[in-house]
Amino acid sequence: MTIEAKKYDHLVGNLQGFSPKQIEQHIKLYQGYVKKINEIRTEMEKIPFDERKDKANFSFGKYSELKRRESVPYNGTYLHEMYFDNLGGSHGAPQSELGRAIEGAFGSQSNWEEDLRACAETATGGWVLLTYDRIDGQLHHNQVWEHSNGIMLNQEHLLALDTWEHAFMIDFGTDKKSYLTAFLANVNWKIVAERLDKATRRARAA
């Protein structure tokens, strides 16, 4: 199945603190990941099943190399979609169940923000994900390097923060602190709350 890139033109020029150029270039990079996951899967489909074992080798094999890299553009595609989808809101604090879940896990909204910033400072070349843990029923931050290293099991992803330099270099240079402030001012808490609601309903149904 071919993956189609989603449209995010509505974000261009409508995010406080972000220039149109920054968002346009970020969207273009996202589209590149969509293109690459489709290329990888097309190449894998060309290899007959009865030939795949012969083309898989720890040192080098065409099939094994395609499988090794598959998670990068795949996660790169869907992490960026989570990121863009959870932008476009206005500055404020989450309400109701999401707000209570954040306070229950971190003590307060300000503590949550401090922890997010601390995780973002060290997750260079990667992501920070706010997650709902299906095991303990709590919210956590998951640091991810590249697009696939460090993703924890049993997590429902609620909020995606891109910490790669491409997400902020045009507008902020190396000033990640200002980027994080701009990001927080644009979080769409309604989307995050909907993700938490779906996650908790799935957990109760399991």
Protein backbone atom coordinates (compact mmCIF):
# COMPACT_ATOMS: atom_id res chain seq x y z
CA MET A 1 0.00 0.00 0.00
CA THR A 2 1.38 3.38 -1.01
CA ILE A 3 1.53 5.91 1.82
CA GLU A 4 0.24 9.35 0.87
CA ALA A 5 1.65 12.48 2.47
CA LYS A 6 -0.89 14.49 4.42
CA LYS A 7 -1.48 18.18 3.73
CA TYR A 8 -0.31 20.67 6.34
CA ASP A 9 -0.54 23.91 4.38
CA HIS A 10 -2.95 25.29 6.99
CA LEU A 11 -0.05 25.54 9.46
CA VAL A 12 2.09 27.76 7.22
CA GLY A 13 1.95 31.33 8.52
CA ASN A 14 -0.44 30.38 11.31
CA LEU A 15 1.91 29.21 14.06
CA GLN A 16 2.98 31.79 16.60
CA GLY A 17 6.77 32.21 16.57
CA PHE A 18 7.34 30.09 13.45
CA SER A 19 8.05 31.63 10.07
CA PRO A 20 6.32 30.26 6.96
CA LYS A 21 9.73 29.21 5.61
CA GLN A 22 10.50 27.11 8.72
CA ILE A 23 7.24 25.21 8.47
CA GLU A 24 7.40 24.86 4.68
CA GLN A 25 10.88 23.33 4.86
CA HIS A 26 9.83 21.02 7.68
CA ILE A 27 6.83 19.81 5.68
CA LYS A 28 9.09 19.22 2.69
CA LEU A 29 11.39 17.07 4.83
CA TYR A 30 8.39 15.07 6.06
CA GLN A 31 7.35 14.47 2.46
CA GLY A 32 10.83 13.07 1.85
CA TYR A 33 10.29 10.41 4.51
CA VAL A 34 7.00 9.45 2.87
CA LYS A 35 8.80 9.07 -0.45
CA LYS A 36 11.54 6.91 1.10
CA ILE A 37 9.26 4.48 2.94
CA ASN A 38 7.41 3.93 -0.32
CA GLU A 39 10.71 3.36 -2.16
CA ILE A 40 11.93 0.85 0.43
CA ARG A 41 8.71 -1.14 0.43
CA THR A 42 8.58 -1.15 -3.36
CA GLU A 43 12.11 -2.58 -3.47
CA MET A 44 11.26 -5.22 -0.85
CA GLU A 45 8.20 -6.30 -2.82
CA LYS A 46 10.42 -6.96 -5.83
CA ILE A 47 12.30 -9.70 -3.93
CA PRO A 48 10.42 -13.03 -4.07
CA PHE A 49 9.81 -14.64 -0.70
CA ASP A 50 11.86 -17.70 -1.61
CA GLU A 51 14.87 -15.45 -2.38
CA ARG A 52 14.77 -13.26 0.73
CA LYS A 53 16.82 -15.55 2.95
CA ASP A 54 19.62 -15.59 0.38
CA LYS A 55 19.54 -11.78 0.27
CA ALA A 56 19.70 -11.41 4.07
CA ASN A 57 23.07 -11.26 5.81
CA PHE A 58 24.30 -9.51 8.97
CA SER A 59 27.26 -7.97 7.14
CA PHE A 60 25.36 -7.04 4.00
CA GLY A 61 22.38 -8.28 2.06
CA LYS A 62 19.92 -6.33 -0.05
CA TYR A 63 16.85 -7.56 1.80
CA SER A 64 18.38 -7.22 5.26
CA GLU A 65 19.55 -3.66 4.53
CA LEU A 66 16.11 -2.66 3.37
CA LYS A 67 14.59 -4.11 6.56
CA ARG A 68 17.20 -2.38 8.74
CA ARG A 69 16.33 1.03 7.31
CA GLU A 70 12.57 0.52 7.00
CA SER A 71 11.79 1.83 10.49
CA VAL A 72 13.55 5.16 9.88
CA PRO A 73 11.36 6.58 7.08
CA TYR A 74 8.28 4.76 8.44
CA ASN A 75 8.61 6.30 11.90
CA GLY A 76 9.86 9.52 10.33
CA THR A 77 6.59 9.71 8.42
CA TYR A 78 4.22 9.04 11.30
CA LEU A 79 6.15 10.92 13.99
CA HIS A 80 6.05 14.00 11.78
CA GLU A 81 2.33 13.53 11.25
CA MET A 82 1.83 13.34 15.02
CA TYR A 83 3.97 16.46 15.41
CA PHE A 84 2.12 18.53 12.82
CA ASP A 85 -1.26 17.24 14.01
CA ASN A 86 -0.54 18.34 17.58
CA LEU A 87 0.30 21.88 16.46
CA GLY A 88 -2.11 24.70 15.67
CA GLY A 89 -3.56 25.33 19.09
CA SER A 90 -3.29 28.36 21.33
CA HIS A 91 -1.20 28.85 24.44
CA GLY A 92 -2.79 27.46 27.56
CA ALA A 93 -2.98 24.47 29.82
CA PRO A 94 -4.73 21.17 29.09
CA GLN A 95 -8.09 20.72 30.75
CA SER A 96 -10.11 17.91 32.34
CA GLU A 97 -8.77 14.36 32.12
CA LEU A 98 -5.54 15.28 30.34
CA GLY A 99 -4.73 17.98 32.86
CA ARG A 100 -5.39 15.60 35.74
CA ALA A 101 -3.27 12.89 34.11
CA ILE A 102 -0.35 15.30 33.71
CA GLU A 103 -0.64 16.48 37.32
CA GLY A 104 -0.92 12.88 38.53
CA ALA A 105 2.26 11.85 36.71
CA PHE A 106 4.41 14.97 37.06
CA GLY A 107 2.89 16.84 40.02
CA SER A 108 1.95 19.94 38.05
CA GLN A 109 1.79 21.39 34.56
CA SER A 110 4.99 23.36 35.22
CA ASN A 111 6.79 20.19 36.34
CA TRP A 112 5.67 18.48 33.15
CA GLU A 113 7.05 21.35 31.08
CA GLU A 114 10.38 21.28 32.94
CA ASP A 115 10.69 17.55 32.33
CA LEU A 116 9.80 17.98 28.66
CA ARG A 117 12.49 20.63 28.29
CA ALA A 118 15.05 18.48 30.10
CA CYS A 119 14.31 15.53 27.82
CA ALA A 120 14.44 17.74 24.72
CA GLU A 121 17.85 19.15 25.66
CA THR A 122 19.45 15.71 25.51
CA ALA A 123 17.36 14.13 22.73
CA THR A 124 19.38 15.77 19.97
CA GLY A 125 18.71 14.22 16.58
CA GLY A 126 15.47 12.67 17.72
CA TRP A 127 12.17 13.12 19.48
CA VAL A 128 10.45 13.45 22.82
CA LEU A 129 7.11 11.68 23.10
CA LEU A 130 4.56 12.14 25.85
CA THR A 131 3.13 8.67 26.30
CA TYR A 132 0.45 6.79 28.19
CA ASP A 133 1.88 3.56 29.60
CA ARG A 134 -0.59 0.69 29.27
CA ILE A 135 1.15 -1.16 32.13
CA ASP A 136 1.09 1.44 34.93
CA GLY A 137 -1.57 3.77 33.52
CA GLN A 138 0.71 6.79 33.93
CA LEU A 139 2.08 9.43 31.58
CA HIS A 140 5.81 9.41 30.79
CA HIS A 141 8.30 11.05 28.46
CA ASN A 142 10.05 8.78 25.99
CA GLN A 143 13.30 10.00 24.40
CA VAL A 144 13.86 8.71 20.88
CA TRP A 145 17.08 9.00 18.87
CA GLU A 146 16.97 9.19 15.11
CA HIS A 147 13.41 8.01 14.48
CA SER A 148 13.46 4.52 15.90
CA ASN A 149 16.10 4.04 18.59
CA GLY A 150 14.74 4.05 22.14
CA ILE A 151 11.01 3.75 21.47
CA MET A 152 9.56 1.94 24.49
CA LEU A 153 7.00 -0.86 24.32
CA ASN A 154 3.49 -0.69 25.78
CA GLN A 155 3.16 3.05 25.13
CA GLU A 156 0.37 5.07 23.54
CA HIS A 157 1.81 8.21 21.98
CA LEU A 158 0.01 11.41 22.97
CA LEU A 159 2.31 14.29 22.03
CA ALA A 160 5.26 14.39 19.63
CA LEU A 161 8.05 16.97 19.89
CA ASP A 162 10.64 17.03 17.09
CA THR A 163 14.08 17.83 18.52
CA TRP A 164 16.06 17.52 15.30
CA GLU A 165 17.71 20.79 14.30
CA HIS A 166 15.72 20.92 11.08
CA ALA A 167 12.63 21.64 13.20
CA PHE A 168 13.97 25.00 14.37
CA MET A 169 17.26 26.06 12.78
CA ILE A 170 15.79 28.51 10.25
CA ASP A 171 13.97 30.51 12.94
CA PHE A 172 16.00 29.89 16.07
CA GLY A 173 19.49 28.81 15.03
CA THR A 174 20.85 26.77 17.93
CA ASP A 175 18.49 28.38 20.46
CA LYS A 176 16.47 25.29 21.30
CA LYS A 177 15.05 26.92 24.44
CA SER A 178 13.20 29.52 22.34
CA TYR A 179 12.04 26.81 19.95
CA LEU A 180 10.52 24.86 22.84
CA THR A 181 8.74 28.00 24.05
CA ALA A 182 7.27 28.49 20.57
CA PHE A 183 6.29 24.82 20.37
CA LEU A 184 4.50 24.96 23.72
CA ALA A 185 2.63 28.09 22.62
CA ASN A 186 1.22 26.17 19.66
CA VAL A 187 0.29 22.81 21.17
CA ASN A 188 -3.19 21.69 20.17
CA TRP A 189 -4.30 20.30 23.51
CA LYS A 190 -7.60 19.14 22.04
CA ILE A 191 -5.75 16.67 19.82
CA VAL A 192 -3.59 15.47 22.72
CA ALA A 193 -6.67 15.01 24.91
CA GLU A 194 -8.38 13.00 22.17
CA ARG A 195 -5.33 10.75 21.91
CA LEU A 196 -5.39 10.15 25.67
CA ASP A 197 -9.11 9.38 25.59
CA LYS A 198 -8.58 6.80 22.84
CA ALA A 199 -5.61 5.31 24.70
CA THR A 200 -7.47 4.88 27.99
CA ARG A 201 -10.52 3.41 26.23
CA ARG A 202 -8.31 0.87 24.46
CA ALA A 203 -6.62 0.01 27.77
CA ARG A 204 -9.98 -0.54 29.50
CA ALA A 205 -11.18 -2.74 26.64
CA ALA A 206 -8.09 -4.94 26.66
